[in-house]
Amino acid sequence: MFQYFNAPGDVPGPPVQFGPPVEPTTVKGGEGFTGTGMPENDIFYFHPDHLGGTLYITTKNGSISQHVEYIAFGEVLFEEHSSSFSSPYLFNGMELDRETNLSYYGARYLDMKTSLWLNVDPLALYNPMFEDEFYFDGDHNDGVYNSGNLSNFNYCYQNPIKYVDPNGKLEKTVKLTTLFQHKVTTAFGLN
């Protein structure tokens, strides 16, 4: 059974429903861009989720061009298109390499199926000649005093809803809006 977070008549959107996307009646401000190899008048707007990942991409007149839903660690649950444009920036707004199905975070690659990094955490390696950031100083995410930092391949302390890793080095806590927190706590009876 699905629990709907929006009131009847509200604009649908994740996590409201599963199924084909429905045209929104209003489009909130997003960042506009032109797709590669497309005419300049084909402007698209990026609509992220609370983690920065692509949920909707709309055209300049507000129709949905791309809709993506994810499993917790970023694996694509489904992806729908109404045009030939397909954004490479998906989970957490990071670029997905479609050949390897890995997301590039700058410092390392994430395998969303296994929810693990492919490389060791760069802050776990320490070479004083080349590194000025490392866990042993205790300043970065509490260093070795945070047990989550002791596993060099886990993505976001195995909690991808609460944390994001914008560069492949340091996890950061997601700041949820008060409205979103209220809707989630009300829906699950946590208030």
N, C-alpha and C. Protein backbone atom coordinates (compact mmCIF):
# COMPACT_ATOMS: atom_id res chain seq x y z
N MET A 1 0.85 -1.18 0.00
CA MET A 1 0.00 0.00 0.00
C MET A 1 0.89 1.23 0.00
N PHE A 2 0.55 2.20 -0.84
CA PHE A 2 1.31 3.44 -0.91
C PHE A 2 0.62 4.51 -0.08
N GLN A 3 1.41 5.31 0.59
CA GLN A 3 0.88 6.43 1.34
C GLN A 3 1.24 7.70 0.56
N TYR A 4 0.25 8.52 0.24
CA TYR A 4 0.49 9.71 -0.54
C TYR A 4 0.81 10.88 0.36
N PHE A 5 1.91 11.58 0.07
CA PHE A 5 2.34 12.68 0.91
C PHE A 5 1.64 13.98 0.55
N ASN A 6 1.19 14.13 -0.67
CA ASN A 6 0.55 15.36 -1.11
C ASN A 6 -0.96 15.27 -0.92
N ALA A 7 -1.56 16.42 -0.71
CA ALA A 7 -3.01 16.48 -0.59
C ALA A 7 -3.63 16.28 -1.97
N PRO A 8 -4.86 15.81 -2.05
CA PRO A 8 -5.51 15.65 -3.35
C PRO A 8 -5.54 16.98 -4.10
N GLY A 9 -5.21 16.93 -5.37
CA GLY A 9 -5.19 18.14 -6.19
C GLY A 9 -3.83 18.81 -6.26
N ASP A 10 -2.88 18.43 -5.37
CA ASP A 10 -1.53 18.99 -5.43
C ASP A 10 -0.80 18.48 -6.66
N VAL A 11 0.25 19.19 -7.03
CA VAL A 11 1.08 18.76 -8.15
C VAL A 11 1.79 17.48 -7.74
N PRO A 12 1.65 16.40 -8.50
CA PRO A 12 2.30 15.14 -8.12
C PRO A 12 3.81 15.20 -8.32
N GLY A 13 4.50 14.41 -7.58
CA GLY A 13 5.95 14.32 -7.70
C GLY A 13 6.46 13.36 -6.67
N PRO A 14 7.67 12.86 -6.84
CA PRO A 14 8.22 11.88 -5.92
C PRO A 14 8.24 12.44 -4.51
N PRO A 15 7.96 11.67 -3.49
CA PRO A 15 7.60 10.26 -3.50
C PRO A 15 6.10 10.03 -3.52
N VAL A 16 5.35 10.84 -4.26
CA VAL A 16 3.90 10.78 -4.24
C VAL A 16 3.34 9.56 -4.95
N GLN A 17 3.85 9.25 -6.13
CA GLN A 17 3.24 8.19 -6.92
C GLN A 17 4.28 7.41 -7.69
N PHE A 18 3.89 6.25 -8.13
CA PHE A 18 4.68 5.47 -9.04
C PHE A 18 3.86 5.33 -10.31
N GLY A 19 4.51 5.33 -11.43
CA GLY A 19 3.81 5.26 -12.70
C GLY A 19 4.28 6.38 -13.58
N PRO A 20 3.58 6.61 -14.68
CA PRO A 20 4.04 7.63 -15.62
C PRO A 20 3.97 9.02 -15.00
N PRO A 21 4.92 9.89 -15.35
CA PRO A 21 4.90 11.24 -14.80
C PRO A 21 3.70 12.02 -15.32
N VAL A 22 3.22 12.92 -14.51
CA VAL A 22 2.08 13.75 -14.86
C VAL A 22 2.57 15.17 -15.05
N GLU A 23 2.04 15.89 -16.03
CA GLU A 23 2.46 17.26 -16.29
C GLU A 23 2.18 18.13 -15.08
N PRO A 24 3.17 18.87 -14.56
CA PRO A 24 2.90 19.78 -13.45
C PRO A 24 2.14 21.01 -13.94
N THR A 25 1.37 21.62 -13.04
CA THR A 25 0.64 22.83 -13.43
C THR A 25 1.52 24.06 -13.27
N THR A 26 2.50 24.00 -12.39
CA THR A 26 3.45 25.10 -12.25
C THR A 26 4.84 24.51 -12.19
N VAL A 27 5.80 25.23 -12.73
CA VAL A 27 7.18 24.78 -12.69
C VAL A 27 7.95 25.71 -11.78
N LYS A 28 8.58 25.15 -10.76
CA LYS A 28 9.37 25.96 -9.84
C LYS A 28 10.67 26.35 -10.51
N GLY A 29 11.26 27.39 -10.02
CA GLY A 29 12.50 27.88 -10.60
C GLY A 29 13.60 26.84 -10.56
N GLY A 30 14.21 26.60 -11.68
CA GLY A 30 15.32 25.67 -11.76
C GLY A 30 16.39 26.30 -12.63
N GLU A 31 17.46 25.63 -12.80
CA GLU A 31 18.51 26.15 -13.65
C GLU A 31 18.28 25.70 -15.07
N GLY A 32 18.29 26.64 -16.01
CA GLY A 32 18.08 26.31 -17.40
C GLY A 32 19.37 25.94 -18.09
N PHE A 33 19.29 25.07 -19.08
CA PHE A 33 20.45 24.69 -19.88
C PHE A 33 19.97 24.23 -21.24
N THR A 34 20.87 24.21 -22.18
CA THR A 34 20.57 23.72 -23.52
C THR A 34 21.28 22.40 -23.70
N GLY A 35 20.58 21.41 -24.20
CA GLY A 35 21.18 20.09 -24.41
C GLY A 35 22.24 20.12 -25.48
N THR A 36 23.25 19.29 -25.35
CA THR A 36 24.33 19.21 -26.33
C THR A 36 23.79 18.80 -27.69
N GLY A 37 24.15 19.54 -28.72
CA GLY A 37 23.72 19.23 -30.08
C GLY A 37 22.27 19.58 -30.36
N MET A 38 21.65 20.35 -29.46
CA MET A 38 20.26 20.73 -29.67
C MET A 38 20.19 22.22 -29.97
N PRO A 39 19.15 22.66 -30.65
CA PRO A 39 19.02 24.10 -30.95
C PRO A 39 18.97 24.93 -29.67
N GLU A 40 19.42 26.18 -29.76
CA GLU A 40 19.47 27.03 -28.58
C GLU A 40 18.10 27.30 -28.00
N ASN A 41 17.06 27.22 -28.81
CA ASN A 41 15.73 27.47 -28.26
C ASN A 41 15.18 26.27 -27.48
N ASP A 42 15.86 25.14 -27.49
CA ASP A 42 15.48 23.99 -26.68
C ASP A 42 16.16 24.11 -25.32
N ILE A 43 15.55 24.84 -24.42
CA ILE A 43 16.11 25.05 -23.08
C ILE A 43 15.44 24.07 -22.14
N PHE A 44 16.24 23.46 -21.27
CA PHE A 44 15.74 22.49 -20.30
C PHE A 44 16.00 23.01 -18.89
N TYR A 45 15.14 22.63 -17.95
CA TYR A 45 15.28 23.03 -16.55
C TYR A 45 15.43 21.78 -15.68
N PHE A 46 16.36 21.85 -14.77
CA PHE A 46 16.73 20.75 -13.89
C PHE A 46 15.97 20.90 -12.58
N HIS A 47 15.26 19.85 -12.16
CA HIS A 47 14.50 19.87 -10.90
C HIS A 47 15.03 18.74 -10.01
N PRO A 48 15.85 19.09 -9.01
CA PRO A 48 16.49 18.06 -8.19
C PRO A 48 15.63 17.59 -7.02
N ASP A 49 16.03 16.46 -6.45
CA ASP A 49 15.45 16.01 -5.19
C ASP A 49 16.27 16.62 -4.05
N HIS A 50 16.01 16.21 -2.82
CA HIS A 50 16.72 16.79 -1.68
C HIS A 50 18.20 16.40 -1.63
N LEU A 51 18.62 15.41 -2.43
CA LEU A 51 20.02 15.00 -2.48
C LEU A 51 20.76 15.63 -3.66
N GLY A 52 20.06 16.42 -4.48
CA GLY A 52 20.70 17.05 -5.63
C GLY A 52 20.60 16.24 -6.90
N GLY A 53 19.93 15.10 -6.85
CA GLY A 53 19.81 14.24 -8.03
C GLY A 53 18.68 14.67 -8.95
N THR A 54 18.79 14.33 -10.20
CA THR A 54 17.78 14.67 -11.19
C THR A 54 16.51 13.86 -10.95
N LEU A 55 15.41 14.55 -10.71
CA LEU A 55 14.10 13.89 -10.67
C LEU A 55 13.35 14.19 -11.96
N TYR A 56 13.26 15.48 -12.26
CA TYR A 56 12.58 15.91 -13.48
C TYR A 56 13.48 16.86 -14.25
N ILE A 57 13.38 16.78 -15.55
CA ILE A 57 13.93 17.80 -16.44
C ILE A 57 12.77 18.24 -17.29
N THR A 58 12.52 19.55 -17.28
CA THR A 58 11.39 20.09 -18.02
C THR A 58 11.87 21.00 -19.13
N THR A 59 10.99 21.19 -20.11
CA THR A 59 11.29 22.11 -21.21
C THR A 59 10.92 23.52 -20.79
N LYS A 60 11.21 24.49 -21.66
CA LYS A 60 10.93 25.88 -21.32
C LYS A 60 9.45 26.16 -21.12
N ASN A 61 8.57 25.35 -21.70
CA ASN A 61 7.14 25.57 -21.50
C ASN A 61 6.56 24.71 -20.37
N GLY A 62 7.41 23.98 -19.66
CA GLY A 62 6.98 23.26 -18.46
C GLY A 62 6.64 21.80 -18.65
N SER A 63 6.72 21.28 -19.87
CA SER A 63 6.41 19.85 -20.05
C SER A 63 7.63 19.00 -19.65
N ILE A 64 7.36 17.84 -19.12
CA ILE A 64 8.42 16.97 -18.60
C ILE A 64 9.13 16.29 -19.76
N SER A 65 10.45 16.45 -19.79
CA SER A 65 11.28 15.84 -20.82
C SER A 65 11.92 14.55 -20.31
N GLN A 66 12.25 14.51 -19.02
CA GLN A 66 12.88 13.34 -18.43
C GLN A 66 12.42 13.22 -16.98
N HIS A 67 12.13 11.99 -16.56
CA HIS A 67 11.73 11.70 -15.18
C HIS A 67 12.52 10.48 -14.73
N VAL A 68 13.20 10.59 -13.59
CA VAL A 68 14.05 9.51 -13.08
C VAL A 68 13.70 9.24 -11.62
N GLU A 69 13.63 7.98 -11.25
CA GLU A 69 13.46 7.55 -9.86
C GLU A 69 14.61 6.62 -9.52
N TYR A 70 15.06 6.66 -8.26
CA TYR A 70 16.24 5.91 -7.83
C TYR A 70 15.93 4.97 -6.68
N ILE A 71 16.72 3.90 -6.60
CA ILE A 71 16.78 3.07 -5.40
C ILE A 71 17.72 3.82 -4.44
N ALA A 72 17.72 3.47 -3.18
CA ALA A 72 18.40 4.25 -2.14
C ALA A 72 19.83 4.68 -2.47
N PHE A 73 20.66 3.80 -3.01
CA PHE A 73 22.05 4.15 -3.26
C PHE A 73 22.32 4.67 -4.67
N GLY A 74 21.25 5.02 -5.40
CA GLY A 74 21.45 5.69 -6.67
C GLY A 74 21.22 4.88 -7.92
N GLU A 75 20.98 3.59 -7.78
CA GLU A 75 20.69 2.79 -8.97
C GLU A 75 19.35 3.27 -9.54
N VAL A 76 19.27 3.42 -10.84
CA VAL A 76 18.05 3.93 -11.48
C VAL A 76 16.95 2.88 -11.40
N LEU A 77 15.84 3.25 -10.79
CA LEU A 77 14.67 2.37 -10.70
C LEU A 77 13.93 2.41 -12.03
N PHE A 78 13.65 3.60 -12.52
CA PHE A 78 13.13 3.77 -13.88
C PHE A 78 13.47 5.16 -14.38
N GLU A 79 13.50 5.26 -15.70
CA GLU A 79 13.84 6.52 -16.37
C GLU A 79 12.95 6.64 -17.59
N GLU A 80 12.25 7.76 -17.68
CA GLU A 80 11.34 7.98 -18.79
C GLU A 80 11.73 9.25 -19.53
N HIS A 81 11.56 9.24 -20.85
CA HIS A 81 11.90 10.38 -21.70
C HIS A 81 10.75 10.69 -22.64
N SER A 82 10.54 11.98 -22.87
CA SER A 82 9.56 12.38 -23.88
C SER A 82 10.26 13.11 -25.03
N SER A 83 11.59 13.17 -24.97
CA SER A 83 12.37 13.77 -26.06
C SER A 83 13.66 12.98 -26.20
N SER A 84 14.49 13.36 -27.16
CA SER A 84 15.75 12.65 -27.38
C SER A 84 16.82 13.06 -26.37
N PHE A 85 16.59 14.13 -25.62
CA PHE A 85 17.58 14.59 -24.65
C PHE A 85 17.60 13.68 -23.44
N SER A 86 18.81 13.33 -22.99
CA SER A 86 19.00 12.52 -21.79
C SER A 86 20.15 13.11 -20.99
N SER A 87 19.86 13.57 -19.80
CA SER A 87 20.90 14.17 -18.97
C SER A 87 21.85 13.11 -18.43
N PRO A 88 23.17 13.34 -18.50
CA PRO A 88 24.11 12.40 -17.91
C PRO A 88 24.22 12.60 -16.39
N TYR A 89 23.67 13.70 -15.87
CA TYR A 89 23.77 14.02 -14.45
C TYR A 89 22.54 13.48 -13.73
N LEU A 90 22.75 12.40 -12.97
CA LEU A 90 21.61 11.73 -12.35
C LEU A 90 21.72 11.77 -10.83
N PHE A 91 22.00 10.66 -10.17
CA PHE A 91 22.01 10.57 -8.71
C PHE A 91 23.00 11.57 -8.11
N ASN A 92 22.54 12.35 -7.15
CA ASN A 92 23.32 13.41 -6.50
C ASN A 92 23.83 14.46 -7.48
N GLY A 93 23.29 14.48 -8.68
CA GLY A 93 23.72 15.44 -9.69
C GLY A 93 25.09 15.10 -10.27
N MET A 94 25.54 13.87 -10.06
CA MET A 94 26.85 13.44 -10.57
C MET A 94 26.70 12.78 -11.93
N GLU A 95 27.77 12.83 -12.70
CA GLU A 95 27.74 12.30 -14.05
C GLU A 95 27.78 10.77 -14.04
N LEU A 96 26.85 10.17 -14.75
CA LEU A 96 26.79 8.72 -14.88
C LEU A 96 27.47 8.32 -16.17
N ASP A 97 28.44 7.41 -16.06
CA ASP A 97 29.07 6.84 -17.24
C ASP A 97 28.18 5.67 -17.67
N ARG A 98 27.47 5.82 -18.78
CA ARG A 98 26.48 4.82 -19.20
C ARG A 98 27.13 3.50 -19.64
N GLU A 99 28.40 3.53 -20.02
CA GLU A 99 29.08 2.30 -20.43
C GLU A 99 29.40 1.41 -19.24
N THR A 100 29.87 2.02 -18.14
CA THR A 100 30.25 1.24 -16.96
C THR A 100 29.18 1.24 -15.89
N ASN A 101 28.20 2.14 -16.01
CA ASN A 101 27.15 2.35 -15.02
C ASN A 101 27.72 2.78 -13.66
N LEU A 102 28.77 3.58 -13.70
CA LEU A 102 29.39 4.13 -12.49
C LEU A 102 29.20 5.64 -12.49
N SER A 103 29.06 6.21 -11.30
CA SER A 103 28.96 7.67 -11.16
C SER A 103 30.30 8.23 -10.75
N TYR A 104 30.70 9.32 -11.41
CA TYR A 104 31.98 9.96 -11.13
C TYR A 104 31.79 11.11 -10.17
N TYR A 105 32.49 11.09 -9.05
CA TYR A 105 32.36 12.10 -8.01
C TYR A 105 33.58 13.02 -7.91
N GLY A 106 34.51 12.92 -8.79
CA GLY A 106 35.70 13.77 -8.75
C GLY A 106 36.91 13.04 -8.20
N ALA A 107 36.81 12.55 -6.97
CA ALA A 107 37.93 11.85 -6.37
C ALA A 107 37.87 10.34 -6.61
N ARG A 108 36.68 9.83 -6.90
CA ARG A 108 36.54 8.38 -7.13
C ARG A 108 35.18 8.05 -7.74
N TYR A 109 35.02 6.79 -8.12
CA TYR A 109 33.80 6.31 -8.76
C TYR A 109 32.95 5.52 -7.78
N LEU A 110 31.62 5.64 -7.93
CA LEU A 110 30.68 4.92 -7.09
C LEU A 110 29.93 3.89 -7.92
N ASP A 111 29.89 2.64 -7.41
CA ASP A 111 29.08 1.59 -8.03
C ASP A 111 27.77 1.55 -7.25
N MET A 112 26.70 2.01 -7.88
CA MET A 112 25.42 2.13 -7.19
C MET A 112 24.77 0.78 -6.90
N LYS A 113 25.09 -0.25 -7.66
CA LYS A 113 24.51 -1.58 -7.40
C LYS A 113 25.05 -2.19 -6.12
N THR A 114 26.33 -2.02 -5.86
CA THR A 114 26.92 -2.58 -4.64
C THR A 114 26.97 -1.56 -3.51
N SER A 115 26.67 -0.29 -3.81
CA SER A 115 26.71 0.84 -2.86
C SER A 115 28.11 1.01 -2.25
N LEU A 116 29.11 0.78 -3.09
CA LEU A 116 30.49 0.92 -2.63
C LEU A 116 31.30 1.77 -3.61
N TRP A 117 32.29 2.45 -3.06
CA TRP A 117 33.27 3.15 -3.89
C TRP A 117 34.19 2.11 -4.52
N LEU A 118 34.70 2.41 -5.70
CA LEU A 118 35.65 1.50 -6.33
C LEU A 118 37.08 1.75 -5.88
N ASN A 119 37.35 2.93 -5.35
CA ASN A 119 38.69 3.27 -4.88
C ASN A 119 38.66 3.49 -3.37
N VAL A 120 39.80 3.39 -2.76
CA VAL A 120 39.91 3.66 -1.34
C VAL A 120 39.68 5.15 -1.09
N ASP A 121 39.18 5.49 0.08
CA ASP A 121 38.92 6.89 0.44
C ASP A 121 40.23 7.68 0.39
N PRO A 122 40.30 8.75 -0.40
CA PRO A 122 41.55 9.52 -0.50
C PRO A 122 42.01 10.10 0.83
N LEU A 123 41.07 10.36 1.76
CA LEU A 123 41.48 10.91 3.05
C LEU A 123 42.01 9.84 3.99
N ALA A 124 41.83 8.57 3.65
CA ALA A 124 42.38 7.49 4.47
C ALA A 124 43.85 7.28 4.16
N LEU A 125 44.25 7.67 2.98
CA LEU A 125 45.65 7.56 2.59
C LEU A 125 46.38 8.81 3.08
N TYR A 126 47.53 8.65 3.65
CA TYR A 126 48.25 9.82 4.13
C TYR A 126 49.69 9.80 3.65
N ASN A 127 50.03 10.81 2.91
CA ASN A 127 51.40 11.03 2.48
C ASN A 127 51.67 12.51 2.71
N PRO A 128 52.46 12.86 3.71
CA PRO A 128 52.66 14.27 4.06
C PRO A 128 53.27 15.10 2.93
N MET A 129 53.86 14.46 1.95
CA MET A 129 54.43 15.20 0.83
C MET A 129 53.34 15.72 -0.12
N PHE A 130 52.20 14.99 -0.20
CA PHE A 130 51.18 15.34 -1.18
C PHE A 130 49.82 15.70 -0.59
N GLU A 131 49.56 15.27 0.63
CA GLU A 131 48.23 15.44 1.21
C GLU A 131 48.22 16.47 2.32
N ASP A 132 47.20 17.33 2.32
CA ASP A 132 47.01 18.23 3.45
C ASP A 132 45.68 17.93 4.15
N GLU A 133 44.87 17.02 3.58
CA GLU A 133 43.63 16.58 4.20
C GLU A 133 43.74 15.08 4.44
N PHE A 134 43.44 14.67 5.67
CA PHE A 134 43.46 13.24 5.99
C PHE A 134 42.72 13.04 7.30
N TYR A 135 42.30 11.80 7.58
CA TYR A 135 41.50 11.51 8.76
C TYR A 135 42.30 11.52 10.05
N PHE A 136 43.56 11.26 9.99
CA PHE A 136 44.33 11.13 11.23
C PHE A 136 44.48 12.44 11.98
N ASP A 137 44.18 13.58 11.33
CA ASP A 137 44.26 14.85 12.05
C ASP A 137 43.01 15.09 12.90
N GLY A 138 41.93 14.31 12.70
CA GLY A 138 40.71 14.44 13.49
C GLY A 138 39.82 15.59 13.06
N ASP A 139 40.24 16.38 12.08
CA ASP A 139 39.47 17.55 11.66
C ASP A 139 38.43 17.25 10.59
N HIS A 140 38.58 16.21 9.82
CA HIS A 140 37.70 15.92 8.70
C HIS A 140 36.70 14.84 9.08
N ASN A 141 35.42 15.25 9.26
CA ASN A 141 34.35 14.34 9.68
C ASN A 141 34.74 13.55 10.92
N ASP A 142 35.37 14.19 11.85
CA ASP A 142 35.83 13.60 13.12
C ASP A 142 36.93 12.56 12.95
N GLY A 143 37.48 12.47 11.77
CA GLY A 143 38.64 11.61 11.53
C GLY A 143 38.47 10.18 11.99
N VAL A 144 39.49 9.64 12.63
CA VAL A 144 39.46 8.25 13.07
C VAL A 144 38.55 8.05 14.27
N TYR A 145 38.05 9.15 14.85
CA TYR A 145 37.13 9.03 15.98
C TYR A 145 35.70 8.74 15.53
N ASN A 146 35.45 8.82 14.24
CA ASN A 146 34.15 8.47 13.66
C ASN A 146 34.30 7.09 13.03
N SER A 147 33.59 6.11 13.57
CA SER A 147 33.76 4.73 13.09
C SER A 147 33.38 4.58 11.62
N GLY A 148 32.52 5.45 11.08
CA GLY A 148 32.16 5.40 9.68
C GLY A 148 33.33 5.65 8.75
N ASN A 149 34.34 6.37 9.23
CA ASN A 149 35.51 6.66 8.42
C ASN A 149 36.50 5.49 8.36
N LEU A 150 36.29 4.48 9.17
CA LEU A 150 37.22 3.36 9.20
C LEU A 150 36.99 2.39 8.04
N SER A 151 35.83 2.45 7.42
CA SER A 151 35.57 1.65 6.23
C SER A 151 35.81 2.54 5.02
N ASN A 152 36.84 2.24 4.28
CA ASN A 152 37.29 3.13 3.20
C ASN A 152 36.48 3.02 1.91
N PHE A 153 35.53 2.10 1.84
CA PHE A 153 34.77 1.90 0.61
C PHE A 153 33.27 2.14 0.76
N ASN A 154 32.76 2.33 1.99
CA ASN A 154 31.34 2.57 2.20
C ASN A 154 30.95 3.93 1.67
N TYR A 155 29.76 4.00 1.07
CA TYR A 155 29.24 5.26 0.57
C TYR A 155 28.38 5.92 1.65
N CYS A 156 28.76 7.10 2.08
CA CYS A 156 27.97 7.92 3.01
C CYS A 156 27.54 7.18 4.26
N TYR A 157 28.46 6.46 4.88
CA TYR A 157 28.20 5.72 6.12
C TYR A 157 27.02 4.77 5.96
N GLN A 158 26.77 4.27 4.74
CA GLN A 158 25.66 3.38 4.41
C GLN A 158 24.30 4.03 4.73
N ASN A 159 24.23 5.35 4.67
CA ASN A 159 22.98 6.08 4.90
C ASN A 159 22.82 7.15 3.83
N PRO A 160 22.41 6.77 2.60
CA PRO A 160 22.37 7.72 1.49
C PRO A 160 21.21 8.70 1.54
N ILE A 161 20.31 8.58 2.50
CA ILE A 161 19.21 9.52 2.63
C ILE A 161 19.63 10.70 3.52
N LYS A 162 20.47 10.44 4.49
CA LYS A 162 20.89 11.48 5.42
C LYS A 162 22.17 12.20 4.97
N TYR A 163 23.03 11.51 4.21
CA TYR A 163 24.32 12.08 3.83
C TYR A 163 24.49 12.12 2.32
N VAL A 164 25.29 13.07 1.87
CA VAL A 164 25.74 13.12 0.47
C VAL A 164 27.25 13.28 0.49
N ASP A 165 27.88 12.92 -0.59
CA ASP A 165 29.33 13.07 -0.72
C ASP A 165 29.58 13.83 -2.02
N PRO A 166 29.71 15.15 -1.95
CA PRO A 166 29.77 15.95 -3.18
C PRO A 166 31.04 15.80 -4.00
N ASN A 167 32.12 15.29 -3.40
CA ASN A 167 33.38 15.21 -4.15
C ASN A 167 34.10 13.87 -4.03
N GLY A 168 33.51 12.90 -3.38
CA GLY A 168 34.16 11.60 -3.23
C GLY A 168 35.13 11.54 -2.07
N LYS A 169 35.17 12.60 -1.27
CA LYS A 169 36.10 12.64 -0.13
C LYS A 169 35.38 12.76 1.21
N LEU A 170 34.50 13.73 1.33
CA LEU A 170 33.88 14.03 2.62
C LEU A 170 32.36 13.94 2.56
N GLU A 171 31.78 13.19 3.49
CA GLU A 171 30.33 13.11 3.58
C GLU A 171 29.81 14.37 4.24
N LYS A 172 28.64 14.82 3.82
CA LYS A 172 27.99 15.97 4.42
C LYS A 172 26.54 15.61 4.72
N THR A 173 26.02 16.15 5.82
CA THR A 173 24.64 15.90 6.21
C THR A 173 23.72 16.69 5.29
N VAL A 174 22.64 16.06 4.87
CA VAL A 174 21.64 16.72 4.02
C VAL A 174 20.76 17.58 4.91
N LYS A 175 20.53 18.80 4.49
CA LYS A 175 19.63 19.71 5.21
C LYS A 175 18.24 19.56 4.60
N LEU A 176 17.32 18.98 5.34
CA LEU A 176 15.96 18.80 4.86
C LEU A 176 15.13 20.04 5.19
N THR A 177 14.24 20.40 4.30
CA THR A 177 13.38 21.54 4.57
C THR A 177 12.36 21.16 5.62
N THR A 178 11.86 22.14 6.33
CA THR A 178 10.88 21.91 7.38
C THR A 178 9.62 21.28 6.82
N LEU A 179 9.15 21.74 5.65
CA LEU A 179 7.96 21.18 5.03
C LEU A 179 8.15 19.71 4.71
N PHE A 180 9.31 19.35 4.12
CA PHE A 180 9.58 17.96 3.77
C PHE A 180 9.62 17.10 5.04
N GLN A 181 10.30 17.58 6.09
CA GLN A 181 10.37 16.83 7.34
C GLN A 181 8.97 16.61 7.92
N HIS A 182 8.14 17.65 7.86
CA HIS A 182 6.78 17.54 8.40
C HIS A 182 5.98 16.50 7.62
N LYS A 183 6.07 16.52 6.28
CA LYS A 183 5.31 15.57 5.47
C LYS A 183 5.76 14.13 5.75
N VAL A 184 7.06 13.90 5.88
CA VAL A 184 7.56 12.55 6.14
C VAL A 184 7.17 12.09 7.53
N THR A 185 7.37 12.92 8.54
CA THR A 185 7.03 12.51 9.91
C THR A 185 5.53 12.30 10.07
N THR A 186 4.72 13.10 9.40
CA THR A 186 3.27 12.93 9.47
C THR A 186 2.84 11.65 8.77
N ALA A 187 3.39 11.39 7.60
CA ALA A 187 3.03 10.21 6.82
C ALA A 187 3.35 8.92 7.56
N PHE A 188 4.45 8.91 8.29
CA PHE A 188 4.87 7.69 8.99
C PHE A 188 4.51 7.71 10.48
N GLY A 189 3.75 8.72 10.91
CA GLY A 189 3.30 8.79 12.30
C GLY A 189 4.44 8.99 13.28
N LEU A 190 5.46 9.75 12.90
CA LEU A 190 6.62 9.93 13.77
C LEU A 190 6.56 11.22 14.59
N ASN A 191 5.50 12.00 14.43
CA ASN A 191 5.46 13.28 15.17
C ASN A 191 4.74 13.15 16.48
